[in-house]
Amino acid sequence: GLGTLMEYQMREFSQLSYTGSHFSHEIFNIIQYKLIKQK
């Protein structure tokens, strides 16, 4: 039914936002590391 579809989409979305925040965190670490190495 519709409820199951909504649940599925919410689960997909939370998975995506988790991956997204983890990914941007990794990028932030890399940028910081490069900035520190430049000094």
C-alpha atoms as a PDB file:
ATOM      1  CA  GLY A   1       0.000   0.000   0.000  1.00  0.00           C
ATOM      2  CA  LEU A   2       0.848   3.684   0.122  1.00  0.00           C
ATOM      3  CA  GLY A   3       2.088   3.470   3.713  1.00  0.00           C
ATOM      4  CA  THR A   4       4.712   0.928   2.772  1.00  0.00           C
ATOM      5  CA  LEU A   5       5.877   3.072  -0.125  1.00  0.00           C
ATOM      6  CA  MET A   6       6.240   6.089   2.150  1.00  0.00           C
ATOM      7  CA  GLU A   7       8.183   4.044   4.687  1.00  0.00           C
ATOM      8  CA  TYR A   8      10.445   2.769   1.941  1.00  0.00           C
ATOM      9  CA  GLN A   9      11.089   6.277   0.618  1.00  0.00           C
ATOM     10  CA  MET A  10      11.824   7.586   4.097  1.00  0.00           C
ATOM     11  CA  ARG A  11      14.314   4.786   4.647  1.00  0.00           C
ATOM     12  CA  GLU A  12      15.941   5.534   1.278  1.00  0.00           C
ATOM     13  CA  PHE A  13      16.115   9.225   2.155  1.00  0.00           C
ATOM     14  CA  SER A  14      17.644   8.709   5.598  1.00  0.00           C
ATOM     15  CA  GLN A  15      20.197   6.373   4.038  1.00  0.00           C
ATOM     16  CA  LEU A  16      21.019   9.006   1.422  1.00  0.00           C
ATOM     17  CA  SER A  17      21.341  11.849   3.901  1.00  0.00           C
ATOM     18  CA  TYR A  18      23.562   9.683   6.102  1.00  0.00           C
ATOM     19  CA  THR A  19      25.829   8.865   3.168  1.00  0.00           C
ATOM     20  CA  GLY A  20      25.784  12.496   2.059  1.00  0.00           C
ATOM     21  CA  SER A  21      26.798  13.892   5.439  1.00  0.00           C
ATOM     22  CA  HIS A  22      29.510  11.255   5.789  1.00  0.00           C
ATOM     23  CA  PHE A  23      30.791  12.088   2.312  1.00  0.00           C
ATOM     24  CA  SER A  24      30.945  15.850   2.929  1.00  0.00           C
ATOM     25  CA  HIS A  25      32.677  15.170   6.243  1.00  0.00           C
ATOM     26  CA  GLU A  26      35.368  13.183   4.406  1.00  0.00           C
ATOM     27  CA  ILE A  27      35.833  16.016   1.899  1.00  0.00           C
ATOM     28  CA  PHE A  28      36.076  18.535   4.739  1.00  0.00           C
ATOM     29  CA  ASN A  29      38.799  16.446   6.382  1.00  0.00           C
ATOM     30  CA  ILE A  30      40.764  16.243   3.126  1.00  0.00           C
ATOM     31  CA  ILE A  31      40.534  20.006   2.548  1.00  0.00           C
ATOM     32  CA  GLN A  32      41.611  20.740   6.122  1.00  0.00           C
ATOM     33  CA  TYR A  33      44.521  18.334   5.775  1.00  0.00           C
ATOM     34  CA  LYS A  34      45.707  20.021   2.567  1.00  0.00           C
ATOM     35  CA  LEU A  35      45.424  23.482   4.123  1.00  0.00           C
ATOM     36  CA  ILE A  36      47.468  22.391   7.132  1.00  0.00           C
ATOM     37  CA  LYS A  37      50.135  20.838   4.914  1.00  0.00           C
ATOM     38  CA  GLN A  38      50.478  24.065   2.908  1.00  0.00           C
ATOM     39  CA  LYS A  39      51.483  26.132   5.929  1.00  0.00           C
END
